[in-house]
Amino acid sequence: MYTTYHLQSADDITEDVVKAIKTAFKSKPIKVTIEEEVDATAFLMANPLDKAIIMASIEQDKKGESILVSIPEE
C-alpha cells in the first residue's frame, strides 16, 4: 500500500497523523521518507527552457493568440 500525506510544515505532524498511519498500516513493515515539497511553478521556472516556453505562452495569451495543444490518444 502507498499513501502520501501533504503537510504545510513539520509542525503539522501531530499525534493524529501518527495514529492515522498506525491505523492504516497496522503491524506491516513500513518505510517513512520525508522530503521537502517543491512548488510546481517554481520547479518549472527553475529550468530556463521551461521558463521560456511558459513566458512565451503567457505573451501569446495576452495578445489573444490561439495556443494549440495536441494530446495523443492512448
PDB file of N, CA and C in Angstrom:
ATOM      1  N   MET A   1       0.847  -1.172   0.000  1.00  0.00           N
ATOM      2  CA  MET A   1       0.000   0.000   0.000  1.00  0.00           C
ATOM      3  C   MET A   1       0.896   1.241   0.000  1.00  0.00           C
ATOM      4  N   TYR A   2       0.400   2.321  -0.587  1.00  0.00           N
ATOM      5  CA  TYR A   2       1.162   3.554  -0.728  1.00  0.00           C
ATOM      6  C   TYR A   2       0.260   4.722  -0.341  1.00  0.00           C
ATOM      7  N   THR A   3       0.725   5.580   0.524  1.00  0.00           N
ATOM      8  CA  THR A   3      -0.052   6.739   0.953  1.00  0.00           C
ATOM      9  C   THR A   3       0.855   7.948   1.022  1.00  0.00           C
ATOM     10  N   THR A   4       0.368   9.091   0.570  1.00  0.00           N
ATOM     11  CA  THR A   4       1.123  10.334   0.645  1.00  0.00           C
ATOM     12  C   THR A   4       0.362  11.318   1.514  1.00  0.00           C
ATOM     13  N   TYR A   5       1.047  11.893   2.471  1.00  0.00           N
ATOM     14  CA  TYR A   5       0.482  12.939   3.314  1.00  0.00           C
ATOM     15  C   TYR A   5       1.138  14.254   2.901  1.00  0.00           C
ATOM     16  N   HIS A   6       0.350  15.241   2.553  1.00  0.00           N
ATOM     17  CA  HIS A   6       0.874  16.564   2.206  1.00  0.00           C
ATOM     18  C   HIS A   6       0.589  17.492   3.382  1.00  0.00           C
ATOM     19  N   LEU A   7       1.654  17.985   3.999  1.00  0.00           N
ATOM     20  CA  LEU A   7       1.521  18.855   5.160  1.00  0.00           C
ATOM     21  C   LEU A   7       2.133  20.213   4.847  1.00  0.00           C
ATOM     22  N   GLN A   8       1.619  21.258   5.468  1.00  0.00           N
ATOM     23  CA  GLN A   8       2.139  22.606   5.247  1.00  0.00           C
ATOM     24  C   GLN A   8       3.522  22.778   5.868  1.00  0.00           C
ATOM     25  N   SER A   9       3.769  22.089   6.975  1.00  0.00           N
ATOM     26  CA  SER A   9       5.082  22.158   7.620  1.00  0.00           C
ATOM     27  C   SER A   9       5.225  20.980   8.576  1.00  0.00           C
ATOM     28  N   ALA A  10       6.415  20.804   9.086  1.00  0.00           N
ATOM     29  CA  ALA A  10       6.670  19.736  10.049  1.00  0.00           C
ATOM     30  C   ALA A  10       5.839  19.933  11.313  1.00  0.00           C
ATOM     31  N   ASP A  11       5.443  21.165  11.587  1.00  0.00           N
ATOM     32  CA  ASP A  11       4.600  21.440  12.754  1.00  0.00           C
ATOM     33  C   ASP A  11       3.249  20.741  12.666  1.00  0.00           C
ATOM     34  N   ASP A  12       2.844  20.345  11.454  1.00  0.00           N
ATOM     35  CA  ASP A  12       1.554  19.680  11.259  1.00  0.00           C
ATOM     36  C   ASP A  12       1.606  18.180  11.536  1.00  0.00           C
ATOM     37  N   ILE A  13       2.782  17.663  11.867  1.00  0.00           N
ATOM     38  CA  ILE A  13       2.881  16.238  12.223  1.00  0.00           C
ATOM     39  C   ILE A  13       2.402  16.121  13.664  1.00  0.00           C
ATOM     40  N   THR A  14       1.155  15.753  13.803  1.00  0.00           N
ATOM     41  CA  THR A  14       0.534  15.658  15.126  1.00  0.00           C
ATOM     42  C   THR A  14       0.360  14.202  15.519  1.00  0.00           C
ATOM     43  N   GLU A  15      -0.103  13.999  16.735  1.00  0.00           N
ATOM     44  CA  GLU A  15      -0.404  12.643  17.190  1.00  0.00           C
ATOM     45  C   GLU A  15      -1.483  12.023  16.301  1.00  0.00           C
ATOM     46  N   ASP A  16      -2.419  12.840  15.818  1.00  0.00           N
ATOM     47  CA  ASP A  16      -3.473  12.328  14.940  1.00  0.00           C
ATOM     48  C   ASP A  16      -2.903  11.775  13.637  1.00  0.00           C
ATOM     49  N   VAL A  17      -1.886  12.434  13.092  1.00  0.00           N
ATOM     50  CA  VAL A  17      -1.255  11.942  11.864  1.00  0.00           C
ATOM     51  C   VAL A  17      -0.577  10.609  12.132  1.00  0.00           C
ATOM     52  N   VAL A  18       0.144  10.523  13.221  1.00  0.00           N
ATOM     53  CA  VAL A  18       0.825   9.274  13.582  1.00  0.00           C
ATOM     54  C   VAL A  18      -0.197   8.166  13.816  1.00  0.00           C
ATOM     55  N   LYS A  19      -1.291   8.485  14.497  1.00  0.00           N
ATOM     56  CA  LYS A  19      -2.348   7.487  14.733  1.00  0.00           C
ATOM     57  C   LYS A  19      -2.956   7.010  13.413  1.00  0.00           C
ATOM     58  N   ALA A  20      -3.145   7.940  12.474  1.00  0.00           N
ATOM     59  CA  ALA A  20      -3.710   7.568  11.168  1.00  0.00           C
ATOM     60  C   ALA A  20      -2.782   6.613  10.434  1.00  0.00           C
ATOM     61  N   ILE A  21      -1.477   6.871  10.509  1.00  0.00           N
ATOM     62  CA  ILE A  21      -0.507   5.975   9.864  1.00  0.00           C
ATOM     63  C   ILE A  21      -0.548   4.605  10.524  1.00  0.00           C
ATOM     64  N   LYS A  22      -0.564   4.579  11.851  1.00  0.00           N
ATOM     65  CA  LYS A  22      -0.612   3.307  12.579  1.00  0.00           C
ATOM     66  C   LYS A  22      -1.890   2.535  12.255  1.00  0.00           C
ATOM     67  N   THR A  23      -3.002   3.234  12.139  1.00  0.00           N
ATOM     68  CA  THR A  23      -4.275   2.577  11.813  1.00  0.00           C
ATOM     69  C   THR A  23      -4.247   2.009  10.399  1.00  0.00           C
ATOM     70  N   ALA A  24      -3.716   2.776   9.465  1.00  0.00           N
ATOM     71  CA  ALA A  24      -3.708   2.347   8.063  1.00  0.00           C
ATOM     72  C   ALA A  24      -2.781   1.161   7.831  1.00  0.00           C
ATOM     73  N   PHE A  25      -1.644   1.139   8.502  1.00  0.00           N
ATOM     74  CA  PHE A  25      -0.640   0.115   8.199  1.00  0.00           C
ATOM     75  C   PHE A  25      -0.523  -0.970   9.266  1.00  0.00           C
ATOM     76  N   LYS A  26      -1.162  -0.769  10.399  1.00  0.00           N
ATOM     77  CA  LYS A  26      -1.174  -1.738  11.496  1.00  0.00           C
ATOM     78  C   LYS A  26       0.225  -2.290  11.777  1.00  0.00           C
ATOM     79  N   SER A  27       0.413  -3.603  11.721  1.00  0.00           N
ATOM     80  CA  SER A  27       1.709  -4.201  12.082  1.00  0.00           C
ATOM     81  C   SER A  27       2.589  -4.486  10.863  1.00  0.00           C
ATOM     82  N   LYS A  28       2.214  -3.951   9.702  1.00  0.00           N
ATOM     83  CA  LYS A  28       3.002  -4.169   8.484  1.00  0.00           C
ATOM     84  C   LYS A  28       4.309  -3.381   8.553  1.00  0.00           C
ATOM     85  N   PRO A  29       5.365  -3.906   7.941  1.00  0.00           N
ATOM     86  CA  PRO A  29       6.596  -3.105   7.872  1.00  0.00           C
ATOM     87  C   PRO A  29       6.348  -1.879   6.992  1.00  0.00           C
ATOM     88  N   ILE A  30       6.897  -0.733   7.399  1.00  0.00           N
ATOM     89  CA  ILE A  30       6.723   0.490   6.616  1.00  0.00           C
ATOM     90  C   ILE A  30       8.065   1.189   6.441  1.00  0.00           C
ATOM     91  N   LYS A  31       8.113   2.078   5.460  1.00  0.00           N
ATOM     92  CA  LYS A  31       9.275   2.937   5.235  1.00  0.00           C
ATOM     93  C   LYS A  31       8.763   4.374   5.254  1.00  0.00           C
ATOM     94  N   VAL A  32       9.382   5.230   6.040  1.00  0.00           N
ATOM     95  CA  VAL A  32       8.975   6.626   6.126  1.00  0.00           C
ATOM     96  C   VAL A  32      10.052   7.468   5.458  1.00  0.00           C
ATOM     97  N   THR A  33       9.658   8.232   4.438  1.00  0.00           N
ATOM     98  CA  THR A  33      10.563   9.126   3.726  1.00  0.00           C
ATOM     99  C   THR A  33      10.013  10.534   3.834  1.00  0.00           C
ATOM    100  N   ILE A  34      10.839  11.464   4.240  1.00  0.00           N
ATOM    101  CA  ILE A  34      10.420  12.860   4.348  1.00  0.00           C
ATOM    102  C   ILE A  34      11.182  13.660   3.295  1.00  0.00           C
ATOM    103  N   GLU A  35      10.455  14.425   2.491  1.00  0.00           N
ATOM    104  CA  GLU A  35      11.112  15.291   1.515  1.00  0.00           C
ATOM    105  C   GLU A  35      10.369  16.616   1.448  1.00  0.00           C
ATOM    106  N   GLU A  36      11.120  17.659   1.177  1.00  0.00           N
ATOM    107  CA  GLU A  36      10.518  18.976   1.052  1.00  0.00           C
ATOM    108  C   GLU A  36       9.706  19.027  -0.226  1.00  0.00           C
ATOM    109  N   GLU A  37       8.485  19.523  -0.137  1.00  0.00           N
ATOM    110  CA  GLU A  37       7.621  19.606  -1.302  1.00  0.00           C
ATOM    111  C   GLU A  37       7.974  20.859  -2.093  1.00  0.00           C
ATOM    112  N   VAL A  38       8.141  20.703  -3.394  1.00  0.00           N
ATOM    113  CA  VAL A  38       8.522  21.814  -4.261  1.00  0.00           C
ATOM    114  C   VAL A  38       7.282  22.335  -4.981  1.00  0.00           C
ATOM    115  N   ASP A  39       7.135  23.639  -4.990  1.00  0.00           N
ATOM    116  CA  ASP A  39       6.042  24.275  -5.711  1.00  0.00           C
ATOM    117  C   ASP A  39       6.214  24.000  -7.201  1.00  0.00           C
ATOM    118  N   ALA A  40       5.163  23.549  -7.871  1.00  0.00           N
ATOM    119  CA  ALA A  40       5.241  23.177  -9.288  1.00  0.00           C
ATOM    120  C   ALA A  40       5.678  24.348 -10.163  1.00  0.00           C
ATOM    121  N   THR A  41       5.174  25.535  -9.880  1.00  0.00           N
ATOM    122  CA  THR A  41       5.554  26.705 -10.686  1.00  0.00           C
ATOM    123  C   THR A  41       7.035  27.023 -10.508  1.00  0.00           C
ATOM    124  N   ALA A  42       7.501  27.010  -9.273  1.00  0.00           N
ATOM    125  CA  ALA A  42       8.922  27.284  -9.011  1.00  0.00           C
ATOM    126  C   ALA A  42       9.803  26.236  -9.683  1.00  0.00           C
ATOM    127  N   PHE A  43       9.356  24.983  -9.671  1.00  0.00           N
ATOM    128  CA  PHE A  43      10.109  23.901 -10.306  1.00  0.00           C
ATOM    129  C   PHE A  43      10.243  24.147 -11.807  1.00  0.00           C
ATOM    130  N   LEU A  44       9.133  24.485 -12.465  1.00  0.00           N
ATOM    131  CA  LEU A  44       9.168  24.716 -13.912  1.00  0.00           C
ATOM    132  C   LEU A  44       9.964  25.964 -14.271  1.00  0.00           C
ATOM    133  N   MET A  45       9.832  27.007 -13.471  1.00  0.00           N
ATOM    134  CA  MET A  45      10.532  28.254 -13.764  1.00  0.00           C
ATOM    135  C   MET A  45      12.038  28.149 -13.502  1.00  0.00           C
ATOM    136  N   ALA A  46      12.473  27.129 -12.784  1.00  0.00           N
ATOM    137  CA  ALA A  46      13.899  26.950 -12.496  1.00  0.00           C
ATOM    138  C   ALA A  46      14.660  26.469 -13.736  1.00  0.00           C
ATOM    139  N   ASN A  47      13.949  25.831 -14.669  1.00  0.00           N
ATOM    140  CA  ASN A  47      14.570  25.347 -15.901  1.00  0.00           C
ATOM    141  C   ASN A  47      14.428  26.452 -16.961  1.00  0.00           C
ATOM    142  N   PRO A  48      15.539  26.978 -17.482  1.00  0.00           N
ATOM    143  CA  PRO A  48      15.462  28.096 -18.443  1.00  0.00           C
ATOM    144  C   PRO A  48      14.599  27.796 -19.673  1.00  0.00           C
ATOM    145  N   LEU A  49      14.661  26.589 -20.202  1.00  0.00           N
ATOM    146  CA  LEU A  49      13.853  26.250 -21.380  1.00  0.00           C
ATOM    147  C   LEU A  49      12.373  26.240 -21.031  1.00  0.00           C
ATOM    148  N   ASP A  50      12.023  25.600 -19.919  1.00  0.00           N
ATOM    149  CA  ASP A  50      10.616  25.574 -19.494  1.00  0.00           C
ATOM    150  C   ASP A  50      10.110  26.990 -19.231  1.00  0.00           C
ATOM    151  N   LYS A  51      10.940  27.817 -18.589  1.00  0.00           N
ATOM    152  CA  LYS A  51      10.552  29.194 -18.289  1.00  0.00           C
ATOM    153  C   LYS A  51      10.288  29.972 -19.572  1.00  0.00           C
ATOM    154  N   ALA A  52      11.149  29.804 -20.577  1.00  0.00           N
ATOM    155  CA  ALA A  52      10.966  30.500 -21.853  1.00  0.00           C
ATOM    156  C   ALA A  52       9.663  30.085 -22.524  1.00  0.00           C
ATOM    157  N   ILE A  53       9.354  28.800 -22.478  1.00  0.00           N
ATOM    158  CA  ILE A  53       8.110  28.295 -23.085  1.00  0.00           C
ATOM    159  C   ILE A  53       6.898  28.869 -22.359  1.00  0.00           C
ATOM    160  N   ILE A  54       6.947  28.865 -21.028  1.00  0.00           N
ATOM    161  CA  ILE A  54       5.833  29.392 -20.236  1.00  0.00           C
ATOM    162  C   ILE A  54       5.640  30.882 -20.509  1.00  0.00           C
ATOM    163  N   MET A  55       6.731  31.638 -20.504  1.00  0.00           N
ATOM    164  CA  MET A  55       6.628  33.077 -20.726  1.00  0.00           C
ATOM    165  C   MET A  55       6.111  33.387 -22.131  1.00  0.00           C
ATOM    166  N   ALA A  56       6.545  32.615 -23.128  1.00  0.00           N
ATOM    167  CA  ALA A  56       6.047  32.803 -24.498  1.00  0.00           C
ATOM    168  C   ALA A  56       4.551  32.513 -24.569  1.00  0.00           C
ATOM    169  N   SER A  57       4.116  31.480 -23.874  1.00  0.00           N
ATOM    170  CA  SER A  57       2.686  31.137 -23.861  1.00  0.00           C
ATOM    171  C   SER A  57       1.865  32.231 -23.196  1.00  0.00           C
ATOM    172  N   ILE A  58       2.388  32.813 -22.131  1.00  0.00           N
ATOM    173  CA  ILE A  58       1.690  33.911 -21.454  1.00  0.00           C
ATOM    174  C   ILE A  58       1.554  35.109 -22.394  1.00  0.00           C
ATOM    175  N   GLU A  59       2.611  35.432 -23.106  1.00  0.00           N
ATOM    176  CA  GLU A  59       2.566  36.548 -24.055  1.00  0.00           C
ATOM    177  C   GLU A  59       1.561  36.271 -25.180  1.00  0.00           C
ATOM    178  N   GLN A  60       1.535  35.033 -25.681  1.00  0.00           N
ATOM    179  CA  GLN A  60       0.556  34.677 -26.714  1.00  0.00           C
ATOM    180  C   GLN A  60      -0.858  34.874 -26.193  1.00  0.00           C
ATOM    181  N   ASP A  61      -1.093  34.441 -24.971  1.00  0.00           N
ATOM    182  CA  ASP A  61      -2.429  34.567 -24.385  1.00  0.00           C
ATOM    183  C   ASP A  61      -2.817  36.031 -24.231  1.00  0.00           C
ATOM    184  N   LYS A  62      -1.879  36.871 -23.792  1.00  0.00           N
ATOM    185  CA  LYS A  62      -2.156  38.304 -23.628  1.00  0.00           C
ATOM    186  C   LYS A  62      -2.530  38.949 -24.955  1.00  0.00           C
ATOM    187  N   LYS A  63      -1.942  38.464 -26.046  1.00  0.00           N
ATOM    188  CA  LYS A  63      -2.220  39.007 -27.385  1.00  0.00           C
ATOM    189  C   LYS A  63      -3.471  38.392 -28.003  1.00  0.00           C
ATOM    190  N   GLY A  64      -4.077  37.423 -27.293  1.00  0.00           N
ATOM    191  CA  GLY A  64      -5.273  36.763 -27.812  1.00  0.00           C
ATOM    192  C   GLY A  64      -4.978  35.732 -28.881  1.00  0.00           C
ATOM    193  N   GLU A  65      -3.729  35.339 -28.984  1.00  0.00           N
ATOM    194  CA  GLU A  65      -3.349  34.334 -29.969  1.00  0.00           C
ATOM    195  C   GLU A  65      -3.745  32.946 -29.470  1.00  0.00           C
ATOM    196  N   SER A  66      -4.169  32.120 -30.408  1.00  0.00           N
ATOM    197  CA  SER A  66      -4.556  30.761 -30.058  1.00  0.00           C
ATOM    198  C   SER A  66      -3.331  29.948 -29.664  1.00  0.00           C
ATOM    199  N   ILE A  67      -3.525  29.144 -28.681  1.00  0.00           N
ATOM    200  CA  ILE A  67      -2.479  28.221 -28.251  1.00  0.00           C
ATOM    201  C   ILE A  67      -3.026  26.818 -28.463  1.00  0.00           C
ATOM    202  N   LEU A  68      -2.486  26.135 -29.470  1.00  0.00           N
ATOM    203  CA  LEU A  68      -2.988  24.812 -29.814  1.00  0.00           C
ATOM    204  C   LEU A  68      -2.138  23.742 -29.116  1.00  0.00           C
ATOM    205  N   VAL A  69      -2.834  22.809 -28.512  1.00  0.00           N
ATOM    206  CA  VAL A  69      -2.153  21.710 -27.827  1.00  0.00           C
ATOM    207  C   VAL A  69      -2.754  20.420 -28.354  1.00  0.00           C
ATOM    208  N   SER A  70      -1.900  19.505 -28.777  1.00  0.00           N
ATOM    209  CA  SER A  70      -2.368  18.196 -29.236  1.00  0.00           C
ATOM    210  C   SER A  70      -2.001  17.166 -28.177  1.00  0.00           C
ATOM    211  N   ILE A  71      -3.000  16.436 -27.758  1.00  0.00           N
ATOM    212  CA  ILE A  71      -2.768  15.360 -26.791  1.00  0.00           C
ATOM    213  C   ILE A  71      -3.046  14.042 -27.496  1.00  0.00           C
ATOM    214  N   PRO A  72      -2.025  13.205 -27.639  1.00  0.00           N
ATOM    215  CA  PRO A  72      -2.234  11.938 -28.353  1.00  0.00           C
ATOM    216  C   PRO A  72      -3.174  11.019 -27.568  1.00  0.00           C
ATOM    217  N   GLU A  73      -4.011  10.328 -28.291  1.00  0.00           N
ATOM    218  CA  GLU A  73      -4.916   9.375 -27.666  1.00  0.00           C
ATOM    219  C   GLU A  73      -4.166   8.100 -27.337  1.00  0.00           C
ATOM    220  N   GLU A  74      -4.524   7.511 -26.230  1.00  0.00           N
ATOM    221  CA  GLU A  74      -3.848   6.270 -25.822  1.00  0.00           C
ATOM    222  C   GLU A  74      -4.542   5.072 -26.407  1.00  0.00           C
TER     223      GLU A  74
END
